[in-house]
């Protein structure tokens, strides 16, 4: 399979075996042996062939039909994803999920959160909200008071 693919690629570029041999730093006879299936290139030469013709080594070896190298996928715009959240709470959850999914560092996460806070603003306290339970002298749910009563009995 490699032999036929190599010959087709060479001919499509209008190269002689000698021309391709010079490009790859091998002899015309070596190219002839490749094209007749009598020899196969080593990994270094295979990579040079793939680079010269702009194809993958998998294509040269007949493992895939698409000669195009895979396109490098750009990483997503993490900041845009975070800022597209509906509110600060969701933005923080989105940032943490991105960190886990893409293996981002804790340092990245610690920069993402302030950006989200700056964008969404710091949440305002809810008016008429009850104070947090169990703070100094502030009544809470009463759960601990019930336990104290049981202990005294």
N, C-alpha and C. Protein backbone atom coordinates (compact mmCIF):
# COMPACT_ATOMS: atom_id res chain seq x y z
N UNK A 1 0.82 -1.19 0.00
CA UNK A 1 0.00 0.00 0.00
C UNK A 1 0.88 1.26 0.00
N UNK A 2 1.90 1.30 0.89
CA UNK A 2 2.79 2.46 0.96
C UNK A 2 3.41 2.75 -0.40
N UNK A 3 3.84 1.70 -1.09
CA UNK A 3 4.52 1.89 -2.36
C UNK A 3 3.63 2.62 -3.38
N UNK A 4 2.37 2.24 -3.45
CA UNK A 4 1.45 2.87 -4.41
C UNK A 4 1.14 4.32 -4.03
N UNK A 5 0.98 4.56 -2.74
CA UNK A 5 0.68 5.92 -2.26
C UNK A 5 1.87 6.83 -2.55
N UNK A 6 3.08 6.36 -2.25
CA UNK A 6 4.28 7.17 -2.48
C UNK A 6 4.41 7.52 -3.96
N UNK A 7 4.23 6.54 -4.81
CA UNK A 7 4.36 6.78 -6.25
C UNK A 7 3.32 7.79 -6.73
N UNK A 8 2.10 7.65 -6.26
CA UNK A 8 1.04 8.59 -6.66
C UNK A 8 1.36 10.01 -6.19
N UNK A 9 1.79 10.15 -4.96
CA UNK A 9 2.13 11.48 -4.44
C UNK A 9 3.28 12.11 -5.23
N UNK A 10 4.29 11.30 -5.50
CA UNK A 10 5.45 11.80 -6.25
C UNK A 10 5.04 12.26 -7.65
N UNK A 11 4.26 11.43 -8.32
CA UNK A 11 3.84 11.77 -9.68
C UNK A 11 2.91 12.98 -9.69
N UNK A 12 2.04 13.09 -8.68
CA UNK A 12 1.14 14.24 -8.61
C UNK A 12 1.90 15.56 -8.48
N UNK A 13 3.09 15.50 -7.91
CA UNK A 13 3.92 16.70 -7.79
C UNK A 13 4.87 16.86 -8.97
N UNK A 14 4.83 15.92 -9.90
CA UNK A 14 5.70 15.99 -11.07
C UNK A 14 7.17 15.78 -10.74
N UNK A 15 7.43 15.01 -9.71
CA UNK A 15 8.82 14.75 -9.31
C UNK A 15 9.29 13.42 -9.88
N UNK A 16 10.55 13.38 -10.27
CA UNK A 16 11.15 12.11 -10.66
C UNK A 16 11.62 11.41 -9.38
N UNK A 17 11.96 10.15 -9.51
CA UNK A 17 12.50 9.43 -8.36
C UNK A 17 13.79 10.10 -7.89
N UNK A 18 14.58 10.58 -8.83
CA UNK A 18 15.84 11.26 -8.49
C UNK A 18 15.55 12.53 -7.71
N UNK A 19 14.55 13.32 -8.17
CA UNK A 19 14.20 14.56 -7.48
C UNK A 19 13.78 14.27 -6.03
N UNK A 20 12.90 13.30 -5.86
CA UNK A 20 12.44 12.97 -4.53
C UNK A 20 13.58 12.43 -3.67
N UNK A 21 14.45 11.65 -4.27
CA UNK A 21 15.62 11.14 -3.55
C UNK A 21 16.48 12.27 -3.01
N UNK A 22 16.68 13.31 -3.83
CA UNK A 22 17.47 14.47 -3.36
C UNK A 22 16.78 15.18 -2.21
N UNK A 23 15.47 15.32 -2.32
CA UNK A 23 14.72 15.99 -1.25
C UNK A 23 14.84 15.22 0.06
N UNK A 24 14.78 13.89 -0.05
CA UNK A 24 14.80 13.05 1.15
C UNK A 24 16.20 12.63 1.57
N UNK A 25 17.20 13.00 0.75
CA UNK A 25 18.59 12.63 1.00
C UNK A 25 18.79 11.11 0.95
N UNK A 26 18.15 10.50 -0.07
CA UNK A 26 18.36 9.08 -0.37
C UNK A 26 18.59 8.96 -1.87
N UNK A 27 18.98 7.80 -2.33
CA UNK A 27 19.26 7.63 -3.75
C UNK A 27 17.98 7.38 -4.54
N UNK A 28 18.10 7.53 -5.86
CA UNK A 28 16.98 7.23 -6.77
C UNK A 28 16.63 5.76 -6.64
N UNK A 29 17.62 4.90 -6.47
CA UNK A 29 17.38 3.47 -6.35
C UNK A 29 16.54 3.16 -5.09
N UNK A 30 16.80 3.89 -4.02
CA UNK A 30 16.03 3.68 -2.79
C UNK A 30 14.56 4.02 -3.03
N UNK A 31 14.32 5.14 -3.71
CA UNK A 31 12.94 5.53 -4.02
C UNK A 31 12.30 4.45 -4.90
N UNK A 32 13.05 3.94 -5.87
CA UNK A 32 12.56 2.86 -6.73
C UNK A 32 12.19 1.63 -5.93
N UNK A 33 13.03 1.27 -4.97
CA UNK A 33 12.74 0.10 -4.11
C UNK A 33 11.48 0.35 -3.27
N UNK A 34 11.32 1.59 -2.76
CA UNK A 34 10.10 1.91 -2.01
C UNK A 34 8.86 1.71 -2.89
N UNK A 35 8.94 2.22 -4.11
CA UNK A 35 7.77 2.19 -4.99
C UNK A 35 7.47 0.79 -5.52
N UNK A 36 8.46 -0.08 -5.55
CA UNK A 36 8.23 -1.46 -5.98
C UNK A 36 7.86 -2.37 -4.80
N UNK A 37 7.87 -1.79 -3.59
CA UNK A 37 7.52 -2.57 -2.39
C UNK A 37 8.63 -3.47 -1.92
N UNK A 38 9.87 -3.25 -2.39
CA UNK A 38 11.00 -4.09 -1.99
C UNK A 38 11.63 -3.62 -0.68
N UNK A 39 11.42 -2.33 -0.36
CA UNK A 39 11.97 -1.75 0.87
C UNK A 39 10.93 -0.82 1.46
N UNK A 40 11.09 -0.57 2.75
CA UNK A 40 10.26 0.41 3.43
C UNK A 40 11.18 1.39 4.14
N UNK A 41 10.78 2.64 4.20
CA UNK A 41 11.63 3.63 4.84
C UNK A 41 11.66 3.47 6.35
N UNK A 42 12.74 3.94 6.96
CA UNK A 42 12.76 3.96 8.43
C UNK A 42 11.85 5.10 8.91
N UNK A 43 11.67 5.19 10.20
CA UNK A 43 10.74 6.18 10.75
C UNK A 43 11.13 7.60 10.38
N UNK A 44 12.39 7.91 10.44
CA UNK A 44 12.85 9.27 10.11
C UNK A 44 12.52 9.62 8.66
N UNK A 45 12.78 8.72 7.75
CA UNK A 45 12.50 8.98 6.34
C UNK A 45 10.99 9.02 6.09
N UNK A 46 10.26 8.16 6.75
CA UNK A 46 8.81 8.18 6.63
C UNK A 46 8.25 9.54 7.06
N UNK A 47 8.78 10.07 8.15
CA UNK A 47 8.36 11.39 8.62
C UNK A 47 8.72 12.48 7.61
N UNK A 48 9.90 12.38 7.00
CA UNK A 48 10.31 13.36 5.98
C UNK A 48 9.37 13.31 4.78
N UNK A 49 9.00 12.11 4.37
CA UNK A 49 8.08 11.96 3.23
C UNK A 49 6.74 12.61 3.58
N UNK A 50 6.23 12.29 4.77
CA UNK A 50 4.94 12.86 5.20
C UNK A 50 5.02 14.38 5.24
N UNK A 51 6.09 14.92 5.79
CA UNK A 51 6.25 16.38 5.86
C UNK A 51 6.33 17.00 4.48
N UNK A 52 7.09 16.37 3.59
CA UNK A 52 7.24 16.92 2.25
C UNK A 52 5.91 16.98 1.51
N UNK A 53 5.13 15.93 1.60
CA UNK A 53 3.87 15.88 0.85
C UNK A 53 2.68 16.45 1.65
N UNK A 54 2.93 16.84 2.90
CA UNK A 54 1.85 17.42 3.72
C UNK A 54 0.75 16.43 4.06
N UNK A 55 1.16 15.19 4.32
CA UNK A 55 0.20 14.15 4.68
C UNK A 55 0.63 13.53 6.01
N UNK A 56 -0.21 12.69 6.55
CA UNK A 56 0.16 11.99 7.78
C UNK A 56 0.88 10.69 7.44
N UNK A 57 1.63 10.20 8.40
CA UNK A 57 2.27 8.89 8.21
C UNK A 57 1.21 7.80 8.14
N UNK A 58 0.11 7.99 8.84
CA UNK A 58 -0.99 7.02 8.75
C UNK A 58 -1.52 6.93 7.33
N UNK A 59 -1.60 8.04 6.65
CA UNK A 59 -2.05 8.04 5.25
C UNK A 59 -1.03 7.30 4.38
N UNK A 60 0.25 7.59 4.58
CA UNK A 60 1.29 6.92 3.79
C UNK A 60 1.25 5.41 3.97
N UNK A 61 0.93 4.98 5.18
CA UNK A 61 0.91 3.55 5.47
C UNK A 61 -0.42 2.90 5.14
N UNK A 62 -1.37 3.68 4.61
CA UNK A 62 -2.65 3.12 4.22
C UNK A 62 -3.60 2.89 5.37
N UNK A 63 -3.34 3.50 6.51
CA UNK A 63 -4.20 3.30 7.68
C UNK A 63 -5.43 4.19 7.67
N UNK A 64 -5.35 5.34 6.98
CA UNK A 64 -6.49 6.25 6.85
C UNK A 64 -6.57 6.71 5.40
N UNK A 65 -7.77 7.11 4.98
CA UNK A 65 -7.96 7.55 3.60
C UNK A 65 -7.77 9.05 3.42
N UNK A 66 -7.82 9.80 4.51
CA UNK A 66 -7.69 11.25 4.43
C UNK A 66 -6.22 11.64 4.57
N UNK A 67 -5.64 12.24 3.55
CA UNK A 67 -4.22 12.59 3.63
C UNK A 67 -3.93 13.80 4.51
N UNK A 68 -4.97 14.58 4.84
CA UNK A 68 -4.77 15.81 5.60
C UNK A 68 -4.37 15.54 7.03
N UNK A 69 -3.35 16.25 7.49
CA UNK A 69 -3.03 16.14 8.91
C UNK A 69 -4.20 16.70 9.72
N UNK A 70 -4.45 16.13 10.89
CA UNK A 70 -5.56 16.65 11.69
C UNK A 70 -5.29 18.11 12.08
N UNK A 71 -6.34 18.89 12.08
CA UNK A 71 -6.21 20.29 12.46
C UNK A 71 -6.08 20.37 13.96
N UNK A 72 -5.17 21.23 14.39
CA UNK A 72 -5.01 21.42 15.82
C UNK A 72 -6.22 22.19 16.33
N UNK A 73 -6.83 21.63 17.34
CA UNK A 73 -8.01 22.26 17.90
C UNK A 73 -7.57 23.33 18.88
N UNK A 74 -8.06 24.54 18.65
CA UNK A 74 -7.75 25.64 19.54
C UNK A 74 -8.49 25.43 20.86
N UNK A 75 -7.84 25.77 21.97
CA UNK A 75 -8.56 25.64 23.23
C UNK A 75 -9.70 26.64 23.27
N UNK A 76 -10.74 26.31 23.99
CA UNK A 76 -11.87 27.23 24.05
C UNK A 76 -11.48 28.52 24.77
N UNK A 77 -12.25 29.57 24.57
CA UNK A 77 -12.04 30.83 25.27
C UNK A 77 -12.66 30.68 26.65
N UNK A 78 -11.83 30.27 27.61
CA UNK A 78 -12.32 29.97 28.95
C UNK A 78 -13.02 31.18 29.57
N UNK A 79 -12.43 32.37 29.41
CA UNK A 79 -13.02 33.56 30.02
C UNK A 79 -14.41 33.83 29.45
N UNK A 80 -14.57 33.69 28.15
CA UNK A 80 -15.88 33.93 27.53
C UNK A 80 -16.90 32.92 28.04
N UNK A 81 -16.48 31.69 28.23
CA UNK A 81 -17.39 30.67 28.74
C UNK A 81 -17.84 31.02 30.15
N UNK A 82 -16.89 31.44 30.98
CA UNK A 82 -17.22 31.80 32.36
C UNK A 82 -18.18 32.99 32.38
N UNK A 83 -17.86 34.01 31.58
CA UNK A 83 -18.67 35.23 31.60
C UNK A 83 -20.03 35.04 30.94
N UNK A 84 -20.24 33.94 30.24
CA UNK A 84 -21.54 33.68 29.63
C UNK A 84 -22.52 33.07 30.64
N UNK A 85 -22.03 32.75 31.82
CA UNK A 85 -22.91 32.21 32.86
C UNK A 85 -23.93 33.28 33.26
N UNK A 86 -25.09 32.86 33.76
CA UNK A 86 -26.12 33.84 34.09
C UNK A 86 -25.85 34.65 35.36
N UNK A 87 -25.01 34.12 36.25
CA UNK A 87 -24.73 34.85 37.50
C UNK A 87 -23.40 34.39 38.07
N UNK A 88 -22.98 35.04 39.13
CA UNK A 88 -21.68 34.75 39.74
C UNK A 88 -21.58 33.32 40.23
N UNK A 89 -22.63 32.83 40.87
CA UNK A 89 -22.59 31.46 41.39
C UNK A 89 -22.36 30.45 40.28
N UNK A 90 -23.10 30.61 39.19
CA UNK A 90 -22.94 29.70 38.05
C UNK A 90 -21.56 29.88 37.42
N UNK A 91 -21.07 31.11 37.37
CA UNK A 91 -19.75 31.38 36.77
C UNK A 91 -18.65 30.65 37.54
N UNK A 92 -18.77 30.63 38.85
CA UNK A 92 -17.77 29.95 39.68
C UNK A 92 -17.83 28.45 39.44
N UNK A 93 -19.04 27.92 39.33
CA UNK A 93 -19.19 26.49 39.03
C UNK A 93 -18.62 26.17 37.65
N UNK A 94 -18.90 27.02 36.66
CA UNK A 94 -18.38 26.82 35.31
C UNK A 94 -16.85 26.84 35.32
N UNK A 95 -16.27 27.79 36.05
CA UNK A 95 -14.80 27.88 36.13
C UNK A 95 -14.21 26.60 36.71
N UNK A 96 -14.80 26.10 37.76
CA UNK A 96 -14.30 24.86 38.39
C UNK A 96 -14.43 23.69 37.43
N UNK A 97 -15.56 23.62 36.72
CA UNK A 97 -15.74 22.53 35.75
C UNK A 97 -14.71 22.61 34.63
N UNK A 98 -14.41 23.82 34.15
CA UNK A 98 -13.38 23.99 33.11
C UNK A 98 -12.03 23.53 33.63
N UNK A 99 -11.73 23.88 34.86
CA UNK A 99 -10.45 23.48 35.44
C UNK A 99 -10.30 21.97 35.45
N UNK A 100 -11.35 21.29 35.85
CA UNK A 100 -11.31 19.82 35.91
C UNK A 100 -11.25 19.22 34.51
N UNK A 101 -12.12 19.69 33.61
CA UNK A 101 -12.21 19.12 32.26
C UNK A 101 -10.92 19.28 31.47
N UNK A 102 -10.30 20.46 31.57
CA UNK A 102 -9.11 20.74 30.75
C UNK A 102 -7.80 20.65 31.53
N UNK A 103 -7.86 20.21 32.77
CA UNK A 103 -6.64 20.05 33.56
C UNK A 103 -5.93 21.35 33.82
N UNK A 104 -6.69 22.42 34.03
CA UNK A 104 -6.09 23.73 34.26
C UNK A 104 -5.58 23.81 35.70
N UNK A 105 -4.60 24.65 35.91
CA UNK A 105 -3.96 24.73 37.23
C UNK A 105 -4.85 25.46 38.23
N UNK A 106 -4.51 25.28 39.50
CA UNK A 106 -5.22 26.01 40.56
C UNK A 106 -4.96 27.51 40.41
N UNK A 107 -3.77 27.87 39.94
CA UNK A 107 -3.45 29.28 39.73
C UNK A 107 -4.40 29.89 38.71
N UNK A 108 -4.69 29.12 37.64
CA UNK A 108 -5.65 29.61 36.65
C UNK A 108 -7.00 29.86 37.30
N UNK A 109 -7.43 28.91 38.11
CA UNK A 109 -8.72 29.02 38.78
C UNK A 109 -8.76 30.23 39.70
N UNK A 110 -7.67 30.48 40.41
CA UNK A 110 -7.62 31.61 41.33
C UNK A 110 -7.58 32.96 40.60
N UNK A 111 -7.27 32.94 39.32
CA UNK A 111 -7.36 34.16 38.50
C UNK A 111 -8.75 34.29 37.87
N UNK A 112 -9.39 33.15 37.62
CA UNK A 112 -10.70 33.17 36.97
C UNK A 112 -11.79 33.69 37.91
N UNK A 113 -11.73 33.30 39.15
CA UNK A 113 -12.77 33.73 40.08
C UNK A 113 -12.83 35.24 40.25
N UNK A 114 -11.69 35.93 40.50
CA UNK A 114 -11.78 37.39 40.62
C UNK A 114 -12.30 38.05 39.33
N UNK A 115 -11.97 37.48 38.19
CA UNK A 115 -12.48 38.03 36.93
C UNK A 115 -14.01 37.92 36.92
N UNK A 116 -14.53 36.79 37.38
CA UNK A 116 -15.98 36.60 37.42
C UNK A 116 -16.61 37.56 38.42
N UNK A 117 -15.98 37.73 39.56
CA UNK A 117 -16.50 38.65 40.57
C UNK A 117 -16.51 40.08 40.04
N UNK A 118 -15.44 40.45 39.34
CA UNK A 118 -15.38 41.79 38.75
C UNK A 118 -16.49 41.98 37.71
N UNK A 119 -16.76 40.95 36.94
CA UNK A 119 -17.79 41.05 35.89
C UNK A 119 -19.20 41.08 36.48
N UNK A 120 -19.48 40.17 37.41
CA UNK A 120 -20.83 40.05 37.95
C UNK A 120 -21.07 40.93 39.17
N UNK A 121 -19.99 41.34 39.82
CA UNK A 121 -20.11 42.12 41.04
C UNK A 121 -20.24 41.21 42.26
N UNK A 122 -19.97 41.80 43.40
CA UNK A 122 -20.08 41.06 44.65
C UNK A 122 -21.55 40.99 45.02
N UNK A 123 -22.03 39.83 45.38
CA UNK A 123 -23.45 39.72 45.75
C UNK A 123 -23.77 40.63 46.93
N UNK A 124 -24.92 41.27 46.86
CA UNK A 124 -25.36 42.15 47.95
C UNK A 124 -26.08 41.31 48.99
N UNK A 125 -25.96 41.71 50.25
CA UNK A 125 -26.68 40.96 51.28
C UNK A 125 -28.19 41.08 51.07
N UNK A 126 -28.87 40.04 51.42
CA UNK A 126 -30.32 40.03 51.30
C UNK A 126 -30.89 40.78 52.50
N UNK A 127 -31.74 41.77 52.23
CA UNK A 127 -32.33 42.53 53.33
C UNK A 127 -33.30 41.66 54.09
N UNK A 128 -33.40 41.91 55.36
CA UNK A 128 -34.30 41.19 56.25
C UNK A 128 -33.97 39.71 56.35
N UNK A 129 -32.74 39.34 56.02
CA UNK A 129 -32.35 37.95 56.14
C UNK A 129 -31.99 37.67 57.59
N UNK A 130 -32.24 36.47 58.05
CA UNK A 130 -31.86 36.09 59.41
C UNK A 130 -30.36 35.96 59.47
N UNK A 131 -29.78 36.30 60.61
CA UNK A 131 -28.33 36.14 60.75
C UNK A 131 -27.97 34.66 60.67
N UNK A 132 -26.74 34.42 60.40
CA UNK A 132 -26.27 33.04 60.31
C UNK A 132 -26.45 32.34 61.64
N UNK A 133 -26.81 31.11 61.58
CA UNK A 133 -27.03 30.33 62.79
C UNK A 133 -25.73 30.10 63.53
N UNK A 134 -25.81 30.09 64.84
CA UNK A 134 -24.72 29.73 65.74
C UNK A 134 -23.62 30.77 65.81
N UNK A 135 -23.88 32.01 65.35
CA UNK A 135 -22.87 33.03 65.60
C UNK A 135 -23.04 33.49 67.03
N UNK A 136 -22.12 34.23 67.53
CA UNK A 136 -22.12 34.60 68.95
C UNK A 136 -23.43 35.25 69.38
N UNK A 137 -24.15 34.57 70.20
CA UNK A 137 -25.36 35.12 70.79
C UNK A 137 -26.54 35.24 69.86
N UNK A 138 -26.44 34.72 68.65
CA UNK A 138 -27.55 34.85 67.71
C UNK A 138 -28.28 33.52 67.65
N UNK A 139 -29.57 33.57 67.84
CA UNK A 139 -30.29 32.29 67.79
C UNK A 139 -30.24 31.70 66.39
N UNK A 140 -30.22 30.42 66.35
CA UNK A 140 -30.18 29.72 65.07
C UNK A 140 -31.34 28.77 64.97
N UNK A 141 -31.05 27.57 64.56
CA UNK A 141 -32.11 26.59 64.36
C UNK A 141 -32.57 25.97 65.67
N UNK A 142 -31.77 26.11 66.70
CA UNK A 142 -32.15 25.53 67.98
C UNK A 142 -31.71 24.10 68.15
N UNK A 143 -31.03 23.56 67.18
CA UNK A 143 -30.64 22.15 67.26
C UNK A 143 -29.72 21.88 68.45
N UNK A 144 -28.78 22.83 68.69
CA UNK A 144 -27.87 22.61 69.80
C UNK A 144 -28.56 22.81 71.14
N UNK A 145 -29.55 23.71 71.19
CA UNK A 145 -30.29 23.92 72.42
C UNK A 145 -31.03 22.64 72.81
N UNK A 146 -31.60 21.94 71.82
CA UNK A 146 -32.29 20.68 72.10
C UNK A 146 -31.33 19.66 72.67
N UNK A 147 -30.10 19.62 72.14
CA UNK A 147 -29.11 18.67 72.64
C UNK A 147 -28.70 19.00 74.06
N UNK A 148 -28.59 20.30 74.37
CA UNK A 148 -28.21 20.71 75.73
C UNK A 148 -29.27 20.26 76.72
N UNK A 149 -30.56 20.38 76.32
CA UNK A 149 -31.64 19.95 77.20
C UNK A 149 -31.54 18.46 77.47
N UNK A 150 -31.24 17.67 76.46
CA UNK A 150 -31.13 16.22 76.63
C UNK A 150 -29.99 15.86 77.57
N UNK A 151 -28.86 16.61 77.43
CA UNK A 151 -27.71 16.33 78.27
C UNK A 151 -28.02 16.61 79.74
N UNK A 152 -28.85 17.62 80.04
CA UNK A 152 -29.19 17.98 81.42
C UNK A 152 -30.15 17.00 82.05
N UNK A 153 -30.91 16.31 81.25
CA UNK A 153 -31.92 15.39 81.78
C UNK A 153 -31.33 14.14 82.30
